[in-house]
Amino acid sequence: MARMSIRATYALDEQTDQRIKYLAETWRVSQAEVIRRSVREAAEHADNALTPADVVAHYRSTPLLRSSQETRRRMEAAREWRHEDDELRSSR
């Protein structure tokens, strides 16, 4: 194992902190090891990640697998689900 000689401080939101703690407990490793593994995994896949511009270019050059009417219907359904979720969260 490499010698750990760099110490850093980062500000995290509560949800990220809880996720790191959960993974550390689940994987039975330190929180630092969770971060090392996660960064290593993200770096290995970074070259394959599509940018938003790549996604837009793909869909402009490739026919959709469904009609524009079906796409609109799905977009409206997703919008309704988001609004319902917002209402549930605000009523808590």
N, C-alpha and C. Protein backbone atom coordinates (compact mmCIF):
# COMPACT_ATOMS: atom_id res chain seq x y z
N MET A 1 0.85 -1.18 0.00
CA MET A 1 0.00 0.00 0.00
C MET A 1 0.89 1.24 0.00
N ALA A 2 0.45 2.23 -0.78
CA ALA A 2 1.21 3.46 -0.88
C ALA A 2 1.17 4.22 0.44
N ARG A 3 2.24 4.96 0.68
CA ARG A 3 2.29 5.77 1.90
C ARG A 3 1.42 7.00 1.71
N MET A 4 0.53 7.24 2.63
CA MET A 4 -0.38 8.37 2.54
C MET A 4 0.27 9.59 3.18
N SER A 5 0.69 10.54 2.36
CA SER A 5 1.40 11.69 2.90
C SER A 5 0.70 13.02 2.63
N ILE A 6 -0.38 13.00 1.88
CA ILE A 6 -1.08 14.24 1.57
C ILE A 6 -2.38 14.28 2.36
N ARG A 7 -2.55 15.36 3.09
CA ARG A 7 -3.80 15.56 3.84
C ARG A 7 -4.51 16.75 3.21
N ALA A 8 -5.80 16.60 3.01
CA ALA A 8 -6.58 17.67 2.38
C ALA A 8 -7.90 17.84 3.13
N THR A 9 -8.45 19.02 3.03
CA THR A 9 -9.73 19.31 3.65
C THR A 9 -10.70 19.75 2.57
N TYR A 10 -11.90 19.17 2.57
CA TYR A 10 -12.92 19.51 1.59
C TYR A 10 -14.23 19.77 2.31
N ALA A 11 -14.99 20.70 1.79
CA ALA A 11 -16.33 20.96 2.32
C ALA A 11 -17.32 20.10 1.55
N LEU A 12 -18.12 19.33 2.27
CA LEU A 12 -19.09 18.43 1.65
C LEU A 12 -20.49 18.76 2.15
N ASP A 13 -21.46 18.50 1.31
CA ASP A 13 -22.84 18.64 1.78
C ASP A 13 -23.18 17.42 2.65
N GLU A 14 -24.23 17.55 3.43
CA GLU A 14 -24.61 16.50 4.38
C GLU A 14 -24.87 15.16 3.71
N GLN A 15 -25.53 15.20 2.55
CA GLN A 15 -25.87 13.96 1.85
C GLN A 15 -24.61 13.21 1.39
N THR A 16 -23.63 13.94 0.87
CA THR A 16 -22.38 13.30 0.43
C THR A 16 -21.65 12.71 1.63
N ASP A 17 -21.60 13.44 2.73
CA ASP A 17 -20.96 12.94 3.94
C ASP A 17 -21.62 11.64 4.41
N GLN A 18 -22.94 11.62 4.41
CA GLN A 18 -23.65 10.41 4.84
C GLN A 18 -23.38 9.24 3.89
N ARG A 19 -23.31 9.53 2.60
CA ARG A 19 -23.04 8.47 1.62
C ARG A 19 -21.64 7.89 1.82
N ILE A 20 -20.67 8.75 2.08
CA ILE A 20 -19.30 8.27 2.33
C ILE A 20 -19.28 7.38 3.56
N LYS A 21 -19.94 7.82 4.61
CA LYS A 21 -19.99 7.02 5.84
C LYS A 21 -20.68 5.69 5.61
N TYR A 22 -21.78 5.72 4.85
CA TYR A 22 -22.51 4.48 4.55
C TYR A 22 -21.62 3.50 3.77
N LEU A 23 -20.94 4.01 2.74
CA LEU A 23 -20.07 3.15 1.94
C LEU A 23 -18.91 2.60 2.77
N ALA A 24 -18.35 3.44 3.64
CA ALA A 24 -17.24 2.98 4.49
C ALA A 24 -17.70 1.82 5.37
N GLU A 25 -18.90 1.95 5.92
CA GLU A 25 -19.42 0.88 6.77
C GLU A 25 -19.74 -0.37 5.94
N THR A 26 -20.36 -0.17 4.79
CA THR A 26 -20.74 -1.29 3.93
C THR A 26 -19.52 -2.04 3.41
N TRP A 27 -18.51 -1.28 2.96
CA TRP A 27 -17.30 -1.89 2.41
C TRP A 27 -16.29 -2.28 3.48
N ARG A 28 -16.56 -1.85 4.72
CA ARG A 28 -15.65 -2.10 5.85
C ARG A 28 -14.25 -1.56 5.59
N VAL A 29 -14.23 -0.29 5.17
CA VAL A 29 -12.96 0.42 4.94
C VAL A 29 -13.10 1.81 5.54
N SER A 30 -12.01 2.55 5.53
CA SER A 30 -12.05 3.92 6.05
C SER A 30 -12.77 4.84 5.06
N GLN A 31 -13.17 6.00 5.56
CA GLN A 31 -13.80 6.99 4.69
C GLN A 31 -12.80 7.46 3.62
N ALA A 32 -11.54 7.57 4.00
CA ALA A 32 -10.51 7.96 3.03
C ALA A 32 -10.41 6.93 1.91
N GLU A 33 -10.52 5.65 2.24
CA GLU A 33 -10.46 4.60 1.22
C GLU A 33 -11.67 4.67 0.30
N VAL A 34 -12.84 5.01 0.84
CA VAL A 34 -14.03 5.19 0.00
C VAL A 34 -13.76 6.28 -1.03
N ILE A 35 -13.19 7.38 -0.58
CA ILE A 35 -12.90 8.50 -1.48
C ILE A 35 -11.85 8.09 -2.51
N ARG A 36 -10.78 7.41 -2.07
CA ARG A 36 -9.75 6.96 -3.02
C ARG A 36 -10.34 6.07 -4.09
N ARG A 37 -11.13 5.08 -3.68
CA ARG A 37 -11.75 4.14 -4.64
C ARG A 37 -12.68 4.89 -5.60
N SER A 38 -13.47 5.79 -5.06
CA SER A 38 -14.44 6.52 -5.89
C SER A 38 -13.74 7.41 -6.91
N VAL A 39 -12.69 8.09 -6.48
CA VAL A 39 -11.94 8.95 -7.40
C VAL A 39 -11.24 8.11 -8.46
N ARG A 40 -10.65 6.99 -8.07
CA ARG A 40 -9.98 6.11 -9.02
C ARG A 40 -10.98 5.62 -10.08
N GLU A 41 -12.15 5.17 -9.63
CA GLU A 41 -13.18 4.68 -10.55
C GLU A 41 -13.65 5.78 -11.49
N ALA A 42 -13.89 6.97 -10.95
CA ALA A 42 -14.34 8.09 -11.79
C ALA A 42 -13.28 8.46 -12.82
N ALA A 43 -12.01 8.46 -12.41
CA ALA A 43 -10.92 8.81 -13.33
C ALA A 43 -10.80 7.79 -14.45
N GLU A 44 -11.01 6.51 -14.13
CA GLU A 44 -10.91 5.46 -15.15
C GLU A 44 -12.01 5.59 -16.20
N HIS A 45 -13.15 6.15 -15.82
CA HIS A 45 -14.26 6.26 -16.75
C HIS A 45 -14.41 7.66 -17.34
N ALA A 46 -13.59 8.60 -16.92
CA ALA A 46 -13.73 10.00 -17.36
C ALA A 46 -13.54 10.15 -18.86
N ASP A 47 -12.62 9.38 -19.45
CA ASP A 47 -12.36 9.51 -20.88
C ASP A 47 -13.54 9.02 -21.72
N ASN A 48 -14.37 8.16 -21.16
CA ASN A 48 -15.51 7.62 -21.89
C ASN A 48 -16.79 8.41 -21.67
N ALA A 49 -16.74 9.40 -20.80
CA ALA A 49 -17.94 10.16 -20.46
C ALA A 49 -18.35 11.07 -21.61
N LEU A 50 -19.64 11.10 -21.86
CA LEU A 50 -20.16 11.99 -22.89
C LEU A 50 -20.44 13.36 -22.29
N THR A 51 -20.12 14.38 -23.05
CA THR A 51 -20.48 15.73 -22.64
C THR A 51 -21.93 15.99 -23.06
N PRO A 52 -22.57 16.98 -22.48
CA PRO A 52 -23.92 17.32 -22.95
C PRO A 52 -23.94 17.62 -24.46
N ALA A 53 -22.89 18.26 -24.96
CA ALA A 53 -22.83 18.56 -26.40
C ALA A 53 -22.77 17.27 -27.22
N ASP A 54 -22.06 16.25 -26.72
CA ASP A 54 -21.99 14.96 -27.41
C ASP A 54 -23.38 14.32 -27.51
N VAL A 55 -24.12 14.39 -26.42
CA VAL A 55 -25.47 13.79 -26.38
C VAL A 55 -26.38 14.51 -27.37
N VAL A 56 -26.35 15.84 -27.36
CA VAL A 56 -27.18 16.61 -28.29
C VAL A 56 -26.80 16.28 -29.73
N ALA A 57 -25.52 16.24 -30.03
CA ALA A 57 -25.07 15.93 -31.39
C ALA A 57 -25.53 14.53 -31.81
N HIS A 58 -25.47 13.58 -30.90
CA HIS A 58 -25.91 12.22 -31.20
C HIS A 58 -27.37 12.20 -31.60
N TYR A 59 -28.22 12.84 -30.79
CA TYR A 59 -29.65 12.79 -31.08
C TYR A 59 -30.06 13.64 -32.27
N ARG A 60 -29.24 14.62 -32.62
CA ARG A 60 -29.53 15.39 -33.83
C ARG A 60 -29.21 14.57 -35.08
N SER A 61 -28.23 13.68 -34.98
CA SER A 61 -27.81 12.90 -36.15
C SER A 61 -28.43 11.51 -36.22
N THR A 62 -29.13 11.09 -35.18
CA THR A 62 -29.70 9.74 -35.12
C THR A 62 -31.21 9.84 -34.98
N PRO A 63 -31.94 9.09 -35.78
CA PRO A 63 -33.40 9.14 -35.63
C PRO A 63 -33.84 8.63 -34.26
N LEU A 64 -34.88 9.23 -33.73
CA LEU A 64 -35.41 8.79 -32.44
C LEU A 64 -36.06 7.42 -32.60
N LEU A 65 -36.06 6.66 -31.54
CA LEU A 65 -36.66 5.33 -31.55
C LEU A 65 -38.16 5.40 -31.32
N ARG A 66 -38.68 6.60 -31.10
CA ARG A 66 -40.12 6.75 -30.90
C ARG A 66 -40.57 8.03 -31.59
N SER A 67 -41.86 8.15 -31.75
CA SER A 67 -42.40 9.32 -32.44
C SER A 67 -42.26 10.57 -31.57
N SER A 68 -42.36 11.71 -32.22
CA SER A 68 -42.29 12.96 -31.46
C SER A 68 -43.49 13.08 -30.53
N GLN A 69 -44.64 12.52 -30.90
CA GLN A 69 -45.81 12.54 -30.02
C GLN A 69 -45.55 11.72 -28.76
N GLU A 70 -44.93 10.54 -28.93
CA GLU A 70 -44.62 9.70 -27.77
C GLU A 70 -43.58 10.40 -26.89
N THR A 71 -42.62 11.06 -27.49
CA THR A 71 -41.62 11.80 -26.72
C THR A 71 -42.28 12.90 -25.90
N ARG A 72 -43.20 13.66 -26.51
CA ARG A 72 -43.92 14.71 -25.80
C ARG A 72 -44.73 14.13 -24.64
N ARG A 73 -45.39 12.98 -24.88
CA ARG A 73 -46.19 12.34 -23.84
C ARG A 73 -45.31 11.95 -22.66
N ARG A 74 -44.13 11.40 -22.95
CA ARG A 74 -43.22 11.00 -21.87
C ARG A 74 -42.67 12.21 -21.12
N MET A 75 -42.40 13.28 -21.85
CA MET A 75 -41.90 14.50 -21.19
C MET A 75 -42.96 15.06 -20.26
N GLU A 76 -44.21 15.07 -20.70
CA GLU A 76 -45.30 15.58 -19.87
C GLU A 76 -45.49 14.70 -18.63
N ALA A 77 -45.39 13.38 -18.80
CA ALA A 77 -45.52 12.47 -17.65
C ALA A 77 -44.40 12.72 -16.65
N ALA A 78 -43.17 12.90 -17.13
CA ALA A 78 -42.04 13.17 -16.23
C ALA A 78 -42.24 14.49 -15.50
N ARG A 79 -42.76 15.50 -16.21
CA ARG A 79 -43.02 16.80 -15.60
C ARG A 79 -44.05 16.66 -14.47
N GLU A 80 -45.10 15.88 -14.72
CA GLU A 80 -46.13 15.65 -13.70
C GLU A 80 -45.55 14.93 -12.48
N TRP A 81 -44.69 13.93 -12.72
CA TRP A 81 -44.07 13.20 -11.61
C TRP A 81 -43.22 14.14 -10.76
N ARG A 82 -42.47 15.02 -11.44
CA ARG A 82 -41.63 15.97 -10.69
C ARG A 82 -42.48 16.89 -9.83
N HIS A 83 -43.58 17.39 -10.40
CA HIS A 83 -44.47 18.28 -9.63
C HIS A 83 -45.08 17.54 -8.44
N GLU A 84 -45.51 16.31 -8.65
CA GLU A 84 -46.07 15.51 -7.55
C GLU A 84 -45.03 15.31 -6.45
N ASP A 85 -43.78 15.02 -6.86
CA ASP A 85 -42.70 14.82 -5.90
C ASP A 85 -42.42 16.12 -5.13
N ASP A 86 -42.42 17.25 -5.85
CA ASP A 86 -42.21 18.54 -5.19
C ASP A 86 -43.29 18.79 -4.13
N GLU A 87 -44.53 18.48 -4.49
CA GLU A 87 -45.63 18.69 -3.54
C GLU A 87 -45.49 17.79 -2.33
N LEU A 88 -45.09 16.53 -2.54
CA LEU A 88 -44.89 15.62 -1.41
C LEU A 88 -43.78 16.12 -0.49
N ARG A 89 -42.69 16.58 -1.08
CA ARG A 89 -41.56 17.06 -0.27
C ARG A 89 -41.93 18.33 0.50
N SER A 90 -42.69 19.21 -0.12
CA SER A 90 -43.02 20.46 0.56
C SER A 90 -44.06 20.28 1.66
N SER A 91 -44.81 19.17 1.61
CA SER A 91 -45.82 18.94 2.62
C SER A 91 -45.28 18.25 3.88
N ARG A 92 -44.02 17.86 3.84
CA ARG A 92 -43.41 17.17 4.98
C ARG A 92 -43.01 18.12 6.06
